[in-house]
């Protein structure tokens, strides 16, 4: 084999090894991203659940079962007032985000 062919084959092998390392690094990064997302979700759930526990304690409703709490939350969050308040909160957040980006938010049509 010619020296030029040997050089090209060596370069090809070196490039393939770089590709394998890059693919392994990508795999590890994806795993780390998934782990971080899972940790953020767990943190969020603990914070929100802790706050709900505090509110229930303040209301003197600590003896409620999980099913009763789910039912109460479902009822409370599906009232027209709660839906309208959430809609308004989300609209405010969207407008603020659009303003920060320098674009105009599309207003909802009711």
N, C-alpha and C. Protein backbone atom coordinates (compact mmCIF):
# COMPACT_ATOMS: atom_id res chain seq x y z
N UNK A 1 0.83 -1.18 0.00
CA UNK A 1 0.00 0.00 0.00
C UNK A 1 0.88 1.25 0.00
N UNK A 2 0.39 2.26 -0.66
CA UNK A 2 1.17 3.49 -0.74
C UNK A 2 1.07 4.24 0.59
N UNK A 3 2.06 5.09 0.82
CA UNK A 3 2.07 5.87 2.06
C UNK A 3 0.91 6.85 2.10
N UNK A 4 0.51 7.34 0.94
CA UNK A 4 -0.63 8.26 0.92
C UNK A 4 -1.90 7.53 1.34
N UNK A 5 -2.08 6.30 0.85
CA UNK A 5 -3.25 5.50 1.22
C UNK A 5 -3.23 5.20 2.71
N UNK A 6 -2.05 4.88 3.25
CA UNK A 6 -1.92 4.59 4.68
C UNK A 6 -2.28 5.82 5.51
N UNK A 7 -1.84 6.97 5.06
CA UNK A 7 -2.15 8.22 5.76
C UNK A 7 -3.66 8.48 5.77
N UNK A 8 -4.28 8.25 4.61
CA UNK A 8 -5.72 8.47 4.51
C UNK A 8 -6.49 7.49 5.39
N UNK A 9 -6.08 6.24 5.42
CA UNK A 9 -6.73 5.25 6.27
C UNK A 9 -6.55 5.58 7.75
N UNK A 10 -5.38 6.04 8.10
CA UNK A 10 -5.10 6.44 9.49
C UNK A 10 -5.96 7.65 9.87
N UNK A 11 -6.08 8.59 8.95
CA UNK A 11 -6.91 9.77 9.20
C UNK A 11 -8.37 9.37 9.34
N UNK A 12 -8.79 8.42 8.50
CA UNK A 12 -10.17 7.94 8.58
C UNK A 12 -10.43 7.27 9.93
N UNK A 13 -9.50 6.44 10.36
CA UNK A 13 -9.65 5.75 11.65
C UNK A 13 -9.68 6.76 12.81
N UNK A 14 -8.83 7.76 12.72
CA UNK A 14 -8.78 8.79 13.76
C UNK A 14 -10.12 9.57 13.81
N UNK A 15 -10.66 9.87 12.64
CA UNK A 15 -11.93 10.58 12.55
C UNK A 15 -13.07 9.73 13.10
N UNK A 16 -13.05 8.43 12.79
CA UNK A 16 -14.08 7.54 13.30
C UNK A 16 -14.02 7.44 14.83
N UNK A 17 -12.82 7.45 15.37
CA UNK A 17 -12.66 7.43 16.84
C UNK A 17 -13.20 8.72 17.46
N UNK A 18 -12.94 9.85 16.81
CA UNK A 18 -13.50 11.12 17.28
C UNK A 18 -15.02 11.08 17.26
N UNK A 19 -15.57 10.50 16.19
CA UNK A 19 -17.02 10.37 16.07
C UNK A 19 -17.58 9.51 17.20
N UNK A 20 -16.93 8.38 17.49
CA UNK A 20 -17.39 7.51 18.58
C UNK A 20 -17.37 8.25 19.92
N UNK A 21 -16.29 9.01 20.16
CA UNK A 21 -16.20 9.78 21.40
C UNK A 21 -17.28 10.86 21.47
N UNK A 22 -17.53 11.50 20.35
CA UNK A 22 -18.57 12.54 20.31
C UNK A 22 -19.95 11.94 20.55
N UNK A 23 -20.19 10.77 19.98
CA UNK A 23 -21.48 10.10 20.18
C UNK A 23 -21.65 9.68 21.64
N UNK A 24 -20.58 9.21 22.26
CA UNK A 24 -20.63 8.83 23.67
C UNK A 24 -20.86 10.07 24.54
N UNK A 25 -20.22 11.16 24.20
CA UNK A 25 -20.41 12.40 24.94
C UNK A 25 -21.86 12.89 24.80
N UNK A 26 -22.41 12.79 23.59
CA UNK A 26 -23.79 13.19 23.37
C UNK A 26 -24.73 12.33 24.22
N UNK A 27 -24.48 11.04 24.27
CA UNK A 27 -25.28 10.12 25.07
C UNK A 27 -25.24 10.53 26.55
N UNK A 28 -24.05 10.85 27.05
CA UNK A 28 -23.90 11.26 28.45
C UNK A 28 -24.60 12.59 28.70
N UNK A 29 -24.51 13.52 27.75
CA UNK A 29 -25.18 14.81 27.91
C UNK A 29 -26.70 14.65 27.95
N UNK A 30 -27.24 13.79 27.07
CA UNK A 30 -28.67 13.53 27.08
C UNK A 30 -29.11 12.93 28.42
N UNK A 31 -28.30 12.02 28.93
CA UNK A 31 -28.59 11.41 30.23
C UNK A 31 -28.58 12.46 31.33
N UNK A 32 -27.62 13.36 31.30
CA UNK A 32 -27.51 14.43 32.31
C UNK A 32 -28.69 15.39 32.20
N UNK A 33 -29.09 15.73 30.98
CA UNK A 33 -30.25 16.62 30.78
C UNK A 33 -31.50 15.98 31.35
N UNK A 34 -31.70 14.69 31.08
CA UNK A 34 -32.87 13.98 31.62
C UNK A 34 -32.84 13.98 33.14
N UNK A 35 -31.66 13.78 33.71
CA UNK A 35 -31.51 13.78 35.17
C UNK A 35 -31.84 15.16 35.75
N UNK A 36 -31.36 16.21 35.11
CA UNK A 36 -31.64 17.57 35.59
C UNK A 36 -33.13 17.89 35.50
N UNK A 37 -33.77 17.48 34.41
CA UNK A 37 -35.21 17.70 34.26
C UNK A 37 -35.97 16.95 35.35
N UNK A 38 -35.56 15.72 35.63
CA UNK A 38 -36.20 14.92 36.67
C UNK A 38 -36.03 15.58 38.04
N UNK A 39 -34.82 16.08 38.30
CA UNK A 39 -34.56 16.75 39.58
C UNK A 39 -35.38 18.03 39.72
N UNK A 40 -35.50 18.79 38.64
CA UNK A 40 -36.32 20.01 38.67
C UNK A 40 -37.77 19.68 38.95
N UNK A 41 -38.27 18.62 38.31
CA UNK A 41 -39.66 18.21 38.51
C UNK A 41 -39.88 17.77 39.96
N UNK A 42 -38.96 16.98 40.48
CA UNK A 42 -39.08 16.52 41.87
C UNK A 42 -39.08 17.71 42.82
N UNK A 43 -38.19 18.65 42.59
CA UNK A 43 -38.12 19.85 43.43
C UNK A 43 -39.43 20.64 43.36
N UNK A 44 -39.94 20.81 42.16
CA UNK A 44 -41.19 21.54 41.97
C UNK A 44 -42.35 20.83 42.68
N UNK A 45 -42.42 19.50 42.52
CA UNK A 45 -43.49 18.74 43.17
C UNK A 45 -43.41 18.83 44.69
N UNK A 46 -42.21 18.76 45.23
CA UNK A 46 -42.04 18.86 46.68
C UNK A 46 -42.44 20.25 47.18
N UNK A 47 -42.04 21.28 46.47
CA UNK A 47 -42.40 22.65 46.87
C UNK A 47 -43.91 22.85 46.83
N UNK A 48 -44.53 22.45 45.75
CA UNK A 48 -45.97 22.66 45.60
C UNK A 48 -46.75 21.78 46.57
N UNK A 49 -46.31 20.55 46.73
CA UNK A 49 -46.96 19.66 47.68
C UNK A 49 -46.82 20.17 49.11
N UNK A 50 -45.65 20.69 49.43
CA UNK A 50 -45.42 21.26 50.76
C UNK A 50 -46.32 22.45 51.01
N UNK A 51 -46.48 23.27 50.01
CA UNK A 51 -47.34 24.45 50.15
C UNK A 51 -48.79 24.01 50.32
N UNK A 52 -49.22 23.02 49.58
CA UNK A 52 -50.58 22.50 49.72
C UNK A 52 -50.79 21.95 51.12
N UNK A 53 -49.82 21.20 51.63
CA UNK A 53 -49.90 20.68 52.99
C UNK A 53 -50.06 21.82 54.01
N UNK A 54 -49.29 22.86 53.80
CA UNK A 54 -49.36 24.03 54.71
C UNK A 54 -50.76 24.65 54.66
N UNK A 55 -51.29 24.83 53.45
CA UNK A 55 -52.63 25.42 53.32
C UNK A 55 -53.69 24.54 53.97
N UNK A 56 -53.60 23.23 53.75
CA UNK A 56 -54.58 22.32 54.34
C UNK A 56 -54.49 22.35 55.86
N UNK A 57 -53.29 22.45 56.37
CA UNK A 57 -53.10 22.54 57.82
C UNK A 57 -53.72 23.82 58.35
N UNK A 58 -53.51 24.93 57.64
CA UNK A 58 -54.08 26.22 58.03
C UNK A 58 -55.61 26.15 58.04
N UNK A 59 -56.18 25.40 57.10
CA UNK A 59 -57.63 25.26 57.01
C UNK A 59 -58.17 24.20 57.98
N UNK A 60 -57.27 23.52 58.67
CA UNK A 60 -57.69 22.48 59.61
C UNK A 60 -58.17 21.23 58.91
N UNK A 61 -57.63 20.96 57.74
CA UNK A 61 -58.09 19.83 56.94
C UNK A 61 -57.00 18.77 56.78
N UNK A 62 -56.23 18.54 57.82
CA UNK A 62 -55.11 17.60 57.71
C UNK A 62 -55.56 16.14 57.65
N UNK A 63 -56.80 15.85 58.06
CA UNK A 63 -57.25 14.46 58.07
C UNK A 63 -57.84 14.00 56.74
N UNK A 64 -57.84 14.86 55.74
CA UNK A 64 -58.37 14.47 54.42
C UNK A 64 -57.49 13.39 53.79
N UNK A 65 -58.14 12.48 53.10
CA UNK A 65 -57.39 11.46 52.36
C UNK A 65 -56.86 12.08 51.07
N UNK A 66 -55.97 11.37 50.42
CA UNK A 66 -55.45 11.85 49.14
C UNK A 66 -56.58 12.05 48.14
N UNK A 67 -57.50 11.09 48.07
CA UNK A 67 -58.61 11.18 47.13
C UNK A 67 -59.47 12.41 47.41
N UNK A 68 -59.69 12.71 48.69
CA UNK A 68 -60.48 13.88 49.05
C UNK A 68 -59.76 15.17 48.66
N UNK A 69 -58.46 15.20 48.85
CA UNK A 69 -57.68 16.38 48.45
C UNK A 69 -57.73 16.54 46.94
N UNK A 70 -57.57 15.44 46.18
CA UNK A 70 -57.64 15.51 44.72
C UNK A 70 -59.00 16.05 44.28
N UNK A 71 -60.05 15.54 44.90
CA UNK A 71 -61.39 16.00 44.56
C UNK A 71 -61.58 17.47 44.86
N UNK A 72 -61.09 17.90 46.02
CA UNK A 72 -61.21 19.31 46.40
C UNK A 72 -60.44 20.20 45.42
N UNK A 73 -59.21 19.81 45.10
CA UNK A 73 -58.42 20.59 44.14
C UNK A 73 -59.09 20.63 42.77
N UNK A 74 -59.60 19.49 42.35
CA UNK A 74 -60.29 19.43 41.06
C UNK A 74 -61.47 20.39 41.05
N UNK A 75 -62.25 20.38 42.12
CA UNK A 75 -63.40 21.28 42.23
C UNK A 75 -62.93 22.74 42.26
N UNK A 76 -61.96 23.03 43.13
CA UNK A 76 -61.51 24.41 43.32
C UNK A 76 -60.89 25.00 42.06
N UNK A 77 -60.12 24.20 41.34
CA UNK A 77 -59.42 24.72 40.17
C UNK A 77 -60.27 24.74 38.91
N UNK A 78 -61.44 24.12 38.96
CA UNK A 78 -62.31 24.11 37.79
C UNK A 78 -63.50 25.04 37.92
N UNK A 79 -63.48 25.91 38.91
CA UNK A 79 -64.54 26.91 39.00
C UNK A 79 -64.30 27.97 37.94
N UNK A 80 -65.35 28.63 37.47
CA UNK A 80 -65.16 29.70 36.47
C UNK A 80 -64.20 30.78 36.97
N UNK A 81 -64.28 31.12 38.26
CA UNK A 81 -63.40 32.15 38.81
C UNK A 81 -61.94 31.71 38.72
N UNK A 82 -61.65 30.46 39.10
CA UNK A 82 -60.28 29.96 39.07
C UNK A 82 -59.75 29.90 37.64
N UNK A 83 -60.60 29.46 36.72
CA UNK A 83 -60.18 29.38 35.32
C UNK A 83 -59.87 30.77 34.76
N UNK A 84 -60.72 31.73 35.09
CA UNK A 84 -60.51 33.10 34.60
C UNK A 84 -59.24 33.70 35.21
N UNK A 85 -59.02 33.46 36.51
CA UNK A 85 -57.82 33.97 37.18
C UNK A 85 -56.56 33.35 36.56
N UNK A 86 -56.59 32.05 36.28
CA UNK A 86 -55.44 31.39 35.66
C UNK A 86 -55.20 31.92 34.25
N UNK A 87 -56.27 32.10 33.51
CA UNK A 87 -56.16 32.64 32.15
C UNK A 87 -55.51 34.03 32.17
N UNK A 88 -55.93 34.85 33.12
CA UNK A 88 -55.38 36.20 33.25
C UNK A 88 -53.90 36.15 33.64
N UNK A 89 -53.56 35.27 34.56
CA UNK A 89 -52.16 35.11 34.98
C UNK A 89 -51.29 34.67 33.81
N UNK A 90 -51.75 33.71 33.05
CA UNK A 90 -50.99 33.23 31.90
C UNK A 90 -50.85 34.31 30.83
N UNK A 91 -51.89 35.06 30.60
CA UNK A 91 -51.84 36.14 29.61
C UNK A 91 -50.82 37.19 30.03
N UNK A 92 -50.80 37.53 31.31
CA UNK A 92 -49.85 38.50 31.84
C UNK A 92 -48.42 38.01 31.63
N UNK A 93 -48.19 36.71 31.92
CA UNK A 93 -46.86 36.13 31.73
C UNK A 93 -46.45 36.15 30.26
N UNK A 94 -47.38 35.82 29.38
CA UNK A 94 -47.07 35.81 27.94
C UNK A 94 -46.74 37.21 27.44
N UNK A 95 -47.49 38.18 27.91
CA UNK A 95 -47.24 39.57 27.49
C UNK A 95 -45.87 40.03 27.98
N UNK A 96 -45.53 39.68 29.21
CA UNK A 96 -44.23 40.07 29.76
C UNK A 96 -43.09 39.39 28.99
N UNK A 97 -43.28 38.12 28.64
CA UNK A 97 -42.26 37.39 27.88
C UNK A 97 -42.10 37.99 26.49
N UNK A 98 -43.21 38.34 25.86
CA UNK A 98 -43.16 38.94 24.52
C UNK A 98 -42.48 40.30 24.58
N UNK A 99 -42.78 41.06 25.62
CA UNK A 99 -42.16 42.38 25.77
C UNK A 99 -40.65 42.23 25.97
N UNK A 100 -40.25 41.23 26.75
CA UNK A 100 -38.83 40.99 26.98
C UNK A 100 -38.12 40.58 25.69
N UNK A 101 -38.83 39.89 24.81
CA UNK A 101 -38.25 39.48 23.53
C UNK A 101 -38.31 40.59 22.49
N UNK A 102 -39.10 41.61 22.79
CA UNK A 102 -39.22 42.71 21.85
C UNK A 102 -40.25 42.46 20.77
N UNK A 103 -41.15 41.52 21.01
CA UNK A 103 -42.20 41.23 20.04
C UNK A 103 -43.54 41.51 20.69
N UNK A 104 -44.56 41.51 19.87
CA UNK A 104 -45.92 41.72 20.39
C UNK A 104 -46.58 40.37 20.58
N UNK A 105 -47.23 40.19 21.71
CA UNK A 105 -47.96 38.96 21.96
C UNK A 105 -49.31 39.03 21.26
N UNK A 106 -49.77 37.91 20.82
CA UNK A 106 -51.09 37.84 20.19
C UNK A 106 -52.11 37.73 21.30
N UNK A 107 -53.04 38.68 21.33
CA UNK A 107 -54.06 38.67 22.37
C UNK A 107 -55.08 37.60 22.06
N UNK A 108 -55.56 36.95 23.12
CA UNK A 108 -56.57 35.92 22.92
C UNK A 108 -57.90 36.56 22.53
N UNK A 109 -58.61 35.85 21.66
CA UNK A 109 -59.89 36.33 21.20
C UNK A 109 -60.95 35.58 21.99
N UNK A 110 -61.78 36.31 22.72
CA UNK A 110 -62.84 35.67 23.53
C UNK A 110 -64.17 35.84 22.86
